Amino acid sequence: MFTACMNPKSGSFIVDLRLTRHFTTVSCLTAEKEILKTIYYQILENHTKTFEKNLSDLTPKIINATMTVFLGIANSAQFMPTARKFHYQFNLRDFAKIIQNVMLA
């Protein structure tokens, strides 16, 4: 909370070590393609197993298309968050929402 509210344009850019020892930095990377494919393929395949054969055969194509678009946007320099465009935050929640809405359709 303290470092999130600091003004980056004025004041000191150094945070005292006595303060930072109470905080932990946690970083998570975007999951690998194979992990995304495995997780969401199983979810969507299980959902479409009662559908007609031609609809259930579309599961790998839907997952691959969604993964290609998601990773293209999430790893694009054009869509990196900046001070002006801080709302450009793409994560697995967006991927999950796409698969969830496909299942609702």
PDB file of N, CA and C in Angstrom:
ATOM      1  N   MET A   1       0.822  -1.183   0.000  1.00  0.00           N
ATOM      2  CA  MET A   1       0.000   0.000   0.000  1.00  0.00           C
ATOM      3  C   MET A   1       0.865   1.246   0.000  1.00  0.00           C
ATOM      4  N   PHE A   2       1.941   1.231   0.744  1.00  0.00           N
ATOM      5  CA  PHE A   2       2.784   2.411   0.849  1.00  0.00           C
ATOM      6  C   PHE A   2       3.440   2.739  -0.486  1.00  0.00           C
ATOM      7  N   THR A   3       4.005   1.756  -1.135  1.00  0.00           N
ATOM      8  CA  THR A   3       4.693   2.031  -2.393  1.00  0.00           C
ATOM      9  C   THR A   3       3.716   2.336  -3.512  1.00  0.00           C
ATOM     10  N   ALA A   4       2.494   1.853  -3.426  1.00  0.00           N
ATOM     11  CA  ALA A   4       1.505   2.149  -4.455  1.00  0.00           C
ATOM     12  C   ALA A   4       1.043   3.587  -4.398  1.00  0.00           C
ATOM     13  N   CYS A   5       1.164   4.238  -3.273  1.00  0.00           N
ATOM     14  CA  CYS A   5       0.668   5.606  -3.151  1.00  0.00           C
ATOM     15  C   CYS A   5       1.775   6.643  -3.250  1.00  0.00           C
ATOM     16  N   MET A   6       3.010   6.225  -3.495  1.00  0.00           N
ATOM     17  CA  MET A   6       4.106   7.177  -3.588  1.00  0.00           C
ATOM     18  C   MET A   6       4.038   7.947  -4.903  1.00  0.00           C
ATOM     19  N   ASN A   7       4.386   9.224  -4.884  1.00  0.00           N
ATOM     20  CA  ASN A   7       4.385  10.053  -6.069  1.00  0.00           C
ATOM     21  C   ASN A   7       5.693   9.832  -6.832  1.00  0.00           C
ATOM     22  N   PRO A   8       5.645   9.319  -8.071  1.00  0.00           N
ATOM     23  CA  PRO A   8       6.885   9.017  -8.786  1.00  0.00           C
ATOM     24  C   PRO A   8       7.598  10.248  -9.339  1.00  0.00           C
ATOM     25  N   LYS A   9       6.953  11.427  -9.303  1.00  0.00           N
ATOM     26  CA  LYS A   9       7.554  12.608  -9.907  1.00  0.00           C
ATOM     27  C   LYS A   9       8.230  13.533  -8.905  1.00  0.00           C
ATOM     28  N   SER A  10       8.008  13.337  -7.643  1.00  0.00           N
ATOM     29  CA  SER A  10       8.647  14.218  -6.670  1.00  0.00           C
ATOM     30  C   SER A  10       9.015  13.416  -5.428  1.00  0.00           C
ATOM     31  N   GLY A  11       9.878  13.983  -4.632  1.00  0.00           N
ATOM     32  CA  GLY A  11      10.275  13.307  -3.404  1.00  0.00           C
ATOM     33  C   GLY A  11      11.369  12.298  -3.648  1.00  0.00           C
ATOM     34  N   SER A  12      11.554  11.433  -2.697  1.00  0.00           N
ATOM     35  CA  SER A  12      12.614  10.439  -2.773  1.00  0.00           C
ATOM     36  C   SER A  12      12.127   9.202  -3.506  1.00  0.00           C
ATOM     37  N   PHE A  13      12.999   8.620  -4.311  1.00  0.00           N
ATOM     38  CA  PHE A  13      12.662   7.398  -5.032  1.00  0.00           C
ATOM     39  C   PHE A  13      13.137   6.165  -4.283  1.00  0.00           C
ATOM     40  N   ILE A  14      13.742   6.368  -3.136  1.00  0.00           N
ATOM     41  CA  ILE A  14      14.292   5.276  -2.352  1.00  0.00           C
ATOM     42  C   ILE A  14      13.381   5.009  -1.160  1.00  0.00           C
ATOM     43  N   VAL A  15      13.006   3.748  -0.987  1.00  0.00           N
ATOM     44  CA  VAL A  15      12.207   3.344   0.158  1.00  0.00           C
ATOM     45  C   VAL A  15      13.158   2.761   1.189  1.00  0.00           C
ATOM     46  N   ASP A  16      13.010   3.178   2.420  1.00  0.00           N
ATOM     47  CA  ASP A  16      13.910   2.754   3.480  1.00  0.00           C
ATOM     48  C   ASP A  16      13.884   1.233   3.645  1.00  0.00           C
ATOM     49  N   LEU A  17      15.034   0.631   3.848  1.00  0.00           N
ATOM     50  CA  LEU A  17      15.129  -0.820   4.005  1.00  0.00           C
ATOM     51  C   LEU A  17      14.396  -1.316   5.242  1.00  0.00           C
ATOM     52  N   ARG A  18      14.318  -0.491   6.273  1.00  0.00           N
ATOM     53  CA  ARG A  18      13.576  -0.908   7.471  1.00  0.00           C
ATOM     54  C   ARG A  18      12.093  -1.061   7.175  1.00  0.00           C
ATOM     55  N   LEU A  19      11.600  -0.319   6.180  1.00  0.00           N
ATOM     56  CA  LEU A  19      10.203  -0.451   5.781  1.00  0.00           C
ATOM     57  C   LEU A  19      10.011  -1.629   4.828  1.00  0.00           C
ATOM     58  N   THR A  20      10.896  -1.774   3.863  1.00  0.00           N
ATOM     59  CA  THR A  20      10.722  -2.823   2.853  1.00  0.00           C
ATOM     60  C   THR A  20      10.886  -4.230   3.400  1.00  0.00           C
ATOM     61  N   ARG A  21      11.515  -4.391   4.527  1.00  0.00           N
ATOM     62  CA  ARG A  21      11.664  -5.745   5.075  1.00  0.00           C
ATOM     63  C   ARG A  21      10.327  -6.340   5.511  1.00  0.00           C
ATOM     64  N   HIS A  22       9.295  -5.512   5.632  1.00  0.00           N
ATOM     65  CA  HIS A  22       7.977  -5.994   6.040  1.00  0.00           C
ATOM     66  C   HIS A  22       7.105  -6.404   4.841  1.00  0.00           C
ATOM     67  N   PHE A  23       7.620  -6.212   3.644  1.00  0.00           N
ATOM     68  CA  PHE A  23       6.846  -6.491   2.449  1.00  0.00           C
ATOM     69  C   PHE A  23       7.465  -7.631   1.658  1.00  0.00           C
ATOM     70  N   THR A  24       6.642  -8.265   0.839  1.00  0.00           N
ATOM     71  CA  THR A  24       7.096  -9.344  -0.023  1.00  0.00           C
ATOM     72  C   THR A  24       6.664  -9.032  -1.441  1.00  0.00           C
ATOM     73  N   THR A  25       7.540  -9.267  -2.384  1.00  0.00           N
ATOM     74  CA  THR A  25       7.209  -9.080  -3.787  1.00  0.00           C
ATOM     75  C   THR A  25       6.877 -10.433  -4.390  1.00  0.00           C
ATOM     76  N   VAL A  26       5.706 -10.526  -4.993  1.00  0.00           N
ATOM     77  CA  VAL A  26       5.266 -11.762  -5.610  1.00  0.00           C
ATOM     78  C   VAL A  26       5.002 -11.470  -7.084  1.00  0.00           C
ATOM     79  N   SER A  27       5.516 -12.297  -7.936  1.00  0.00           N
ATOM     80  CA  SER A  27       5.342 -12.104  -9.368  1.00  0.00           C
ATOM     81  C   SER A  27       4.936 -13.426 -10.007  1.00  0.00           C
ATOM     82  N   CYS A  28       3.942 -13.374 -10.872  1.00  0.00           N
ATOM     83  CA  CYS A  28       3.487 -14.560 -11.584  1.00  0.00           C
ATOM     84  C   CYS A  28       3.518 -14.277 -13.079  1.00  0.00           C
ATOM     85  N   LEU A  29       4.018 -15.197 -13.840  1.00  0.00           N
ATOM     86  CA  LEU A  29       4.065 -15.054 -15.285  1.00  0.00           C
ATOM     87  C   LEU A  29       2.828 -15.679 -15.903  1.00  0.00           C
ATOM     88  N   THR A  30       2.569 -15.319 -17.154  1.00  0.00           N
ATOM     89  CA  THR A  30       1.473 -15.942 -17.886  1.00  0.00           C
ATOM     90  C   THR A  30       1.809 -17.413 -18.105  1.00  0.00           C
ATOM     91  N   ALA A  31       0.814 -18.257 -17.954  1.00  0.00           N
ATOM     92  CA  ALA A  31       1.040 -19.704 -18.076  1.00  0.00           C
ATOM     93  C   ALA A  31       1.491 -20.067 -19.489  1.00  0.00           C
ATOM     94  N   GLU A  32       2.211 -21.151 -19.593  1.00  0.00           N
ATOM     95  CA  GLU A  32       2.691 -21.633 -20.885  1.00  0.00           C
ATOM     96  C   GLU A  32       1.516 -22.116 -21.734  1.00  0.00           C
ATOM     97  N   LYS A  33       1.742 -22.196 -23.034  1.00  0.00           N
ATOM     98  CA  LYS A  33       0.685 -22.601 -23.964  1.00  0.00           C
ATOM     99  C   LYS A  33       0.143 -23.986 -23.652  1.00  0.00           C
ATOM    100  N   GLU A  34       1.027 -24.911 -23.352  1.00  0.00           N
ATOM    101  CA  GLU A  34       0.588 -26.291 -23.096  1.00  0.00           C
ATOM    102  C   GLU A  34      -0.268 -26.384 -21.834  1.00  0.00           C
ATOM    103  N   ILE A  35       0.053 -25.596 -20.831  1.00  0.00           N
ATOM    104  CA  ILE A  35      -0.732 -25.607 -19.592  1.00  0.00           C
ATOM    105  C   ILE A  35      -2.126 -25.053 -19.860  1.00  0.00           C
ATOM    106  N   LEU A  36      -2.184 -23.919 -20.570  1.00  0.00           N
ATOM    107  CA  LEU A  36      -3.493 -23.345 -20.921  1.00  0.00           C
ATOM    108  C   LEU A  36      -4.310 -24.315 -21.753  1.00  0.00           C
ATOM    109  N   LYS A  37      -3.652 -24.920 -22.720  1.00  0.00           N
ATOM    110  CA  LYS A  37      -4.348 -25.854 -23.601  1.00  0.00           C
ATOM    111  C   LYS A  37      -4.905 -27.037 -22.822  1.00  0.00           C
ATOM    112  N   THR A  38      -4.126 -27.591 -21.912  1.00  0.00           N
ATOM    113  CA  THR A  38      -4.558 -28.751 -21.129  1.00  0.00           C
ATOM    114  C   THR A  38      -5.727 -28.413 -20.226  1.00  0.00           C
ATOM    115  N   ILE A  39      -5.625 -27.317 -19.499  1.00  0.00           N
ATOM    116  CA  ILE A  39      -6.670 -26.945 -18.539  1.00  0.00           C
ATOM    117  C   ILE A  39      -7.991 -26.682 -19.242  1.00  0.00           C
ATOM    118  N   TYR A  40      -7.971 -25.765 -20.204  1.00  0.00           N
ATOM    119  CA  TYR A  40      -9.232 -25.345 -20.813  1.00  0.00           C
ATOM    120  C   TYR A  40      -9.763 -26.346 -21.827  1.00  0.00           C
ATOM    121  N   TYR A  41      -8.895 -27.150 -22.410  1.00  0.00           N
ATOM    122  CA  TYR A  41      -9.367 -28.217 -23.290  1.00  0.00           C
ATOM    123  C   TYR A  41     -10.186 -29.231 -22.503  1.00  0.00           C
ATOM    124  N   GLN A  42      -9.705 -29.616 -21.329  1.00  0.00           N
ATOM    125  CA  GLN A  42     -10.440 -30.584 -20.516  1.00  0.00           C
ATOM    126  C   GLN A  42     -11.786 -30.023 -20.058  1.00  0.00           C
ATOM    127  N   ILE A  43     -11.798 -28.745 -19.690  1.00  0.00           N
ATOM    128  CA  ILE A  43     -13.052 -28.128 -19.245  1.00  0.00           C
ATOM    129  C   ILE A  43     -14.064 -28.100 -20.380  1.00  0.00           C
ATOM    130  N   LEU A  44     -13.636 -27.588 -21.544  1.00  0.00           N
ATOM    131  CA  LEU A  44     -14.569 -27.457 -22.667  1.00  0.00           C
ATOM    132  C   LEU A  44     -14.943 -28.810 -23.258  1.00  0.00           C
ATOM    133  N   GLU A  45     -14.015 -29.750 -23.295  1.00  0.00           N
ATOM    134  CA  GLU A  45     -14.324 -31.080 -23.816  1.00  0.00           C
ATOM    135  C   GLU A  45     -15.345 -31.795 -22.928  1.00  0.00           C
ATOM    136  N   ASN A  46     -15.194 -31.658 -21.637  1.00  0.00           N
ATOM    137  CA  ASN A  46     -16.148 -32.273 -20.713  1.00  0.00           C
ATOM    138  C   ASN A  46     -17.537 -31.643 -20.872  1.00  0.00           C
ATOM    139  N   HIS A  47     -17.560 -30.351 -21.149  1.00  0.00           N
ATOM    140  CA  HIS A  47     -18.855 -29.676 -21.324  1.00  0.00           C
ATOM    141  C   HIS A  47     -19.528 -30.099 -22.629  1.00  0.00           C
ATOM    142  N   THR A  48     -18.751 -30.309 -23.682  1.00  0.00           N
ATOM    143  CA  THR A  48     -19.336 -30.605 -24.993  1.00  0.00           C
ATOM    144  C   THR A  48     -19.447 -32.101 -25.293  1.00  0.00           C
ATOM    145  N   LYS A  49     -19.155 -32.963 -24.339  1.00  0.00           N
ATOM    146  CA  LYS A  49     -19.195 -34.399 -24.636  1.00  0.00           C
ATOM    147  C   LYS A  49     -20.608 -34.912 -24.894  1.00  0.00           C
ATOM    148  N   THR A  50     -21.632 -34.206 -24.441  1.00  0.00           N
ATOM    149  CA  THR A  50     -23.012 -34.625 -24.703  1.00  0.00           C
ATOM    150  C   THR A  50     -23.578 -33.986 -25.968  1.00  0.00           C
ATOM    151  N   PHE A  51     -22.803 -33.111 -26.609  1.00  0.00           N
ATOM    152  CA  PHE A  51     -23.265 -32.443 -27.829  1.00  0.00           C
ATOM    153  C   PHE A  51     -23.056 -33.357 -29.029  1.00  0.00           C
ATOM    154  N   GLU A  52     -23.508 -32.884 -30.186  1.00  0.00           N
ATOM    155  CA  GLU A  52     -23.288 -33.632 -31.416  1.00  0.00           C
ATOM    156  C   GLU A  52     -21.793 -33.696 -31.725  1.00  0.00           C
ATOM    157  N   LYS A  53     -21.419 -34.694 -32.494  1.00  0.00           N
ATOM    158  CA  LYS A  53     -20.005 -34.938 -32.794  1.00  0.00           C
ATOM    159  C   LYS A  53     -19.337 -33.747 -33.486  1.00  0.00           C
ATOM    160  N   ASN A  54     -20.047 -33.118 -34.433  1.00  0.00           N
ATOM    161  CA  ASN A  54     -19.424 -32.013 -35.160  1.00  0.00           C
ATOM    162  C   ASN A  54     -19.193 -30.797 -34.265  1.00  0.00           C
ATOM    163  N   LEU A  55     -19.980 -30.613 -33.217  1.00  0.00           N
ATOM    164  CA  LEU A  55     -19.764 -29.514 -32.279  1.00  0.00           C
ATOM    165  C   LEU A  55     -18.652 -29.836 -31.286  1.00  0.00           C
ATOM    166  N   SER A  56     -18.610 -31.068 -30.830  1.00  0.00           N
ATOM    167  CA  SER A  56     -17.556 -31.427 -29.878  1.00  0.00           C
ATOM    168  C   SER A  56     -16.182 -31.501 -30.549  1.00  0.00           C
ATOM    169  N   ASP A  57     -16.139 -31.673 -31.885  1.00  0.00           N
ATOM    170  CA  ASP A  57     -14.865 -31.666 -32.602  1.00  0.00           C
ATOM    171  C   ASP A  57     -14.262 -30.269 -32.713  1.00  0.00           C
ATOM    172  N   LEU A  58     -15.047 -29.244 -32.445  1.00  0.00           N
ATOM    173  CA  LEU A  58     -14.551 -27.867 -32.513  1.00  0.00           C
ATOM    174  C   LEU A  58     -13.776 -27.448 -31.271  1.00  0.00           C
ATOM    175  N   THR A  59     -13.782 -28.261 -30.234  1.00  0.00           N
ATOM    176  CA  THR A  59     -13.126 -27.902 -28.970  1.00  0.00           C
ATOM    177  C   THR A  59     -11.659 -27.535 -29.138  1.00  0.00           C
ATOM    178  N   PRO A  60     -10.824 -28.332 -29.814  1.00  0.00           N
ATOM    179  CA  PRO A  60      -9.417 -27.931 -29.950  1.00  0.00           C
ATOM    180  C   PRO A  60      -9.240 -26.654 -30.758  1.00  0.00           C
ATOM    181  N   LYS A  61     -10.093 -26.448 -31.765  1.00  0.00           N
ATOM    182  CA  LYS A  61      -9.989 -25.231 -32.572  1.00  0.00           C
ATOM    183  C   LYS A  61     -10.354 -23.992 -31.757  1.00  0.00           C
ATOM    184  N   ILE A  62     -11.371 -24.105 -30.926  1.00  0.00           N
ATOM    185  CA  ILE A  62     -11.777 -22.981 -30.079  1.00  0.00           C
ATOM    186  C   ILE A  62     -10.679 -22.643 -29.083  1.00  0.00           C
ATOM    187  N   ILE A  63     -10.102 -23.659 -28.461  1.00  0.00           N
ATOM    188  CA  ILE A  63      -9.043 -23.438 -27.475  1.00  0.00           C
ATOM    189  C   ILE A  63      -7.810 -22.825 -28.134  1.00  0.00           C
ATOM    190  N   ASN A  64      -7.410 -23.353 -29.295  1.00  0.00           N
ATOM    191  CA  ASN A  64      -6.231 -22.823 -29.981  1.00  0.00           C
ATOM    192  C   ASN A  64      -6.442 -21.387 -30.448  1.00  0.00           C
ATOM    193  N   ALA A  65      -7.634 -21.083 -30.965  1.00  0.00           N
ATOM    194  CA  ALA A  65      -7.917 -19.721 -31.417  1.00  0.00           C
ATOM    195  C   ALA A  65      -7.934 -18.749 -30.245  1.00  0.00           C
ATOM    196  N   THR A  66      -8.564 -19.148 -29.156  1.00  0.00           N
ATOM    197  CA  THR A  66      -8.612 -18.296 -27.971  1.00  0.00           C
ATOM    198  C   THR A  66      -7.211 -18.081 -27.407  1.00  0.00           C
ATOM    199  N   MET A  67      -6.420 -19.130 -27.358  1.00  0.00           N
ATOM    200  CA  MET A  67      -5.069 -19.023 -26.821  1.00  0.00           C
ATOM    201  C   MET A  67      -4.192 -18.127 -27.698  1.00  0.00           C
ATOM    202  N   THR A  68      -4.334 -18.242 -29.006  1.00  0.00           N
ATOM    203  CA  THR A  68      -3.537 -17.420 -29.921  1.00  0.00           C
ATOM    204  C   THR A  68      -3.864 -15.937 -29.756  1.00  0.00           C
ATOM    205  N   VAL A  69      -5.143 -15.616 -29.694  1.00  0.00           N
ATOM    206  CA  VAL A  69      -5.541 -14.215 -29.534  1.00  0.00           C
ATOM    207  C   VAL A  69      -5.143 -13.691 -28.162  1.00  0.00           C
ATOM    208  N   PHE A  70      -5.381 -14.473 -27.120  1.00  0.00           N
ATOM    209  CA  PHE A  70      -5.055 -14.032 -25.762  1.00  0.00           C
ATOM    210  C   PHE A  70      -3.560 -13.787 -25.595  1.00  0.00           C
ATOM    211  N   LEU A  71      -2.731 -14.729 -26.005  1.00  0.00           N
ATOM    212  CA  LEU A  71      -1.285 -14.560 -25.856  1.00  0.00           C
ATOM    213  C   LEU A  71      -0.756 -13.453 -26.758  1.00  0.00           C
ATOM    214  N   GLY A  72      -1.377 -13.271 -27.917  1.00  0.00           N
ATOM    215  CA  GLY A  72      -0.984 -12.176 -28.791  1.00  0.00           C
ATOM    216  C   GLY A  72      -1.238 -10.819 -28.162  1.00  0.00           C
ATOM    217  N   ILE A  73      -2.364 -10.688 -27.467  1.00  0.00           N
ATOM    218  CA  ILE A  73      -2.691  -9.431 -26.799  1.00  0.00           C
ATOM    219  C   ILE A  73      -1.893  -9.270 -25.521  1.00  0.00           C
ATOM    220  N   ALA A  74      -1.818 -10.316 -24.720  1.00  0.00           N
ATOM    221  CA  ALA A  74      -1.146 -10.217 -23.422  1.00  0.00           C
ATOM    222  C   ALA A  74       0.346  -9.958 -23.556  1.00  0.00           C
ATOM    223  N   ASN A  75       0.981 -10.459 -24.604  1.00  0.00           N
ATOM    224  CA  ASN A  75       2.421 -10.285 -24.781  1.00  0.00           C
ATOM    225  C   ASN A  75       2.779  -9.161 -25.749  1.00  0.00           C
ATOM    226  N   SER A  76       1.790  -8.439 -26.242  1.00  0.00           N
ATOM    227  CA  SER A  76       2.028  -7.369 -27.201  1.00  0.00           C
ATOM    228  C   SER A  76       2.519  -6.111 -26.493  1.00  0.00           C
ATOM    229  N   ALA A  77       3.506  -5.469 -27.075  1.00  0.00           N
ATOM    230  CA  ALA A  77       4.010  -4.208 -26.510  1.00  0.00           C
ATOM    231  C   ALA A  77       2.976  -3.100 -26.639  1.00  0.00           C
ATOM    232  N   GLN A  78       2.095  -3.217 -27.612  1.00  0.00           N
ATOM    233  CA  GLN A  78       1.052  -2.208 -27.827  1.00  0.00           C
ATOM    234  C   GLN A  78       0.035  -2.187 -26.682  1.00  0.00           C
ATOM    235  N   PHE A  79      -0.180  -3.316 -26.059  1.00  0.00           N
ATOM    236  CA  PHE A  79      -1.176  -3.410 -25.001  1.00  0.00           C
ATOM    237  C   PHE A  79      -0.578  -3.515 -23.603  1.00  0.00           C
ATOM    238  N   MET A  80       0.664  -3.132 -23.428  1.00  0.00           N
ATOM    239  CA  MET A  80       1.267  -3.115 -22.097  1.00  0.00           C
ATOM    240  C   MET A  80       0.678  -1.960 -21.293  1.00  0.00           C
ATOM    241  N   PRO A  81       0.432  -2.163 -20.015  1.00  0.00           N
ATOM    242  CA  PRO A  81      -0.129  -1.079 -19.207  1.00  0.00           C
ATOM    243  C   PRO A  81       0.878   0.065 -19.038  1.00  0.00           C
ATOM    244  N   THR A  82       0.364   1.268 -19.125  1.00  0.00           N
ATOM    245  CA  THR A  82       1.162   2.467 -18.888  1.00  0.00           C
ATOM    246  C   THR A  82       0.418   3.332 -17.887  1.00  0.00           C
ATOM    247  N   ALA A  83       0.979   4.472 -17.572  1.00  0.00           N
ATOM    248  CA  ALA A  83       0.313   5.367 -16.625  1.00  0.00           C
ATOM    249  C   ALA A  83      -1.008   5.873 -17.193  1.00  0.00           C
ATOM    250  N   ARG A  84      -1.058   6.100 -18.481  1.00  0.00           N
ATOM    251  CA  ARG A  84      -2.302   6.569 -19.101  1.00  0.00           C
ATOM    252  C   ARG A  84      -3.271   5.438 -19.411  1.00  0.00           C
ATOM    253  N   LYS A  85      -2.746   4.281 -19.730  1.00  0.00           N
ATOM    254  CA  LYS A  85      -3.584   3.143 -20.116  1.00  0.00           C
ATOM    255  C   LYS A  85      -3.399   2.016 -19.118  1.00  0.00           C
ATOM    256  N   PHE A  86      -3.660   2.309 -17.863  1.00  0.00           N
ATOM    257  CA  PHE A  86      -3.466   1.327 -16.803  1.00  0.00           C
ATOM    258  C   PHE A  86      -4.499   0.214 -16.846  1.00  0.00           C
ATOM    259  N   HIS A  87      -5.587   0.401 -17.589  1.00  0.00           N
ATOM    260  CA  HIS A  87      -6.633  -0.612 -17.659  1.00  0.00           C
ATOM    261  C   HIS A  87      -6.262  -1.759 -18.591  1.00  0.00           C
ATOM    262  N   TYR A  88      -5.125  -1.691 -19.275  1.00  0.00           N
ATOM    263  CA  TYR A  88      -4.668  -2.792 -20.116  1.00  0.00           C
ATOM    264  C   TYR A  88      -4.017  -3.856 -19.246  1.00  0.00           C
ATOM    265  N   GLN A  89      -4.824  -4.618 -18.569  1.00  0.00           N
ATOM    266  CA  GLN A  89      -4.344  -5.697 -17.710  1.00  0.00           C
ATOM    267  C   GLN A  89      -5.002  -6.985 -18.187  1.00  0.00           C
ATOM    268  N   PHE A  90      -4.282  -7.762 -18.961  1.00  0.00           N
ATOM    269  CA  PHE A  90      -4.828  -9.011 -19.479  1.00  0.00           C
ATOM    270  C   PHE A  90      -4.249 -10.170 -18.681  1.00  0.00           C
ATOM    271  N   ASN A  91      -5.137 -11.022 -18.163  1.00  0.00           N
ATOM    272  CA  ASN A  91      -4.683 -12.153 -17.370  1.00  0.00           C
ATOM    273  C   ASN A  91      -5.565 -13.361 -17.668  1.00  0.00           C
ATOM    274  N   LEU A  92      -5.385 -14.415 -16.909  1.00  0.00           N
ATOM    275  CA  LEU A  92      -6.139 -15.646 -17.169  1.00  0.00           C
ATOM    276  C   LEU A  92      -7.635 -15.500 -16.918  1.00  0.00           C
ATOM    277  N   ARG A  93      -8.023 -14.469 -16.181  1.00  0.00           N
ATOM    278  CA  ARG A  93      -9.452 -14.233 -15.973  1.00  0.00           C
ATOM    279  C   ARG A  93     -10.142 -13.961 -17.311  1.00  0.00           C
ATOM    280  N   ASP A  94      -9.484 -13.228 -18.191  1.00  0.00           N
ATOM    281  CA  ASP A  94     -10.045 -12.942 -19.508  1.00  0.00           C
ATOM    282  C   ASP A  94     -10.169 -14.215 -20.338  1.00  0.00           C
ATOM    283  N   PHE A  95      -9.150 -15.053 -20.287  1.00  0.00           N
ATOM    284  CA  PHE A  95      -9.190 -16.334 -20.996  1.00  0.00           C
ATOM    285  C   PHE A  95     -10.333 -17.189 -20.454  1.00  0.00           C
ATOM    286  N   ALA A  96     -10.475 -17.243 -19.146  1.00  0.00           N
ATOM    287  CA  ALA A  96     -11.528 -18.048 -18.524  1.00  0.00           C
ATOM    288  C   ALA A  96     -12.913 -17.516 -18.876  1.00  0.00           C
ATOM    289  N   LYS A  97     -13.056 -16.191 -18.968  1.00  0.00           N
ATOM    290  CA  LYS A  97     -14.355 -15.619 -19.327  1.00  0.00           C
ATOM    291  C   LYS A  97     -14.754 -15.992 -20.746  1.00  0.00           C
ATOM    292  N   ILE A  98     -13.795 -16.046 -21.639  1.00  0.00           N
ATOM    293  CA  ILE A  98     -14.097 -16.436 -23.017  1.00  0.00           C
ATOM    294  C   ILE A  98     -14.606 -17.872 -23.056  1.00  0.00           C
ATOM    295  N   ILE A  99     -13.910 -18.770 -22.386  1.00  0.00           N
ATOM    296  CA  ILE A  99     -14.326 -20.174 -22.363  1.00  0.00           C
ATOM    297  C   ILE A  99     -15.669 -20.327 -21.653  1.00  0.00           C
ATOM    298  N   GLN A 100     -15.867 -19.567 -20.583  1.00  0.00           N
ATOM    299  CA  GLN A 100     -17.144 -19.629 -19.856  1.00  0.00           C
ATOM    300  C   GLN A 100     -18.294 -19.173 -20.747  1.00  0.00           C
ATOM    301  N   ASN A 101     -18.087 -18.115 -21.511  1.00  0.00           N
ATOM    302  CA  ASN A 101     -19.159 -17.622 -22.387  1.00  0.00           C
ATOM    303  C   ASN A 101     -19.394 -18.552 -23.562  1.00  0.00           C
ATOM    304  N   VAL A 102     -18.369 -19.237 -24.036  1.00  0.00           N
ATOM    305  CA  VAL A 102     -18.570 -20.248 -25.082  1.00  0.00           C
ATOM    306  C   VAL A 102     -19.436 -21.366 -24.528  1.00  0.00           C
ATOM    307  N   MET A 103     -19.207 -21.767 -23.290  1.00  0.00           N
ATOM    308  CA  MET A 103     -20.013 -22.824 -22.682  1.00  0.00           C
ATOM    309  C   MET A 103     -21.439 -22.361 -22.444  1.00  0.00           C
ATOM    310  N   LEU A 104     -21.651 -21.080 -22.151  1.00  0.00           N
ATOM    311  CA  LEU A 104     -23.016 -20.579 -21.972  1.00  0.00           C
ATOM    312  C   LEU A 104     -23.774 -20.508 -23.290  1.00  0.00           C
ATOM    313  N   ALA A 105     -23.033 -20.316 -24.391  1.00  0.00           N
ATOM    314  CA  ALA A 105     -23.683 -20.261 -25.705  1.00  0.00           C
ATOM    315  C   ALA A 105     -24.181 -21.632 -26.088  1.00  0.00           C
TER     316      ALA A 105
END
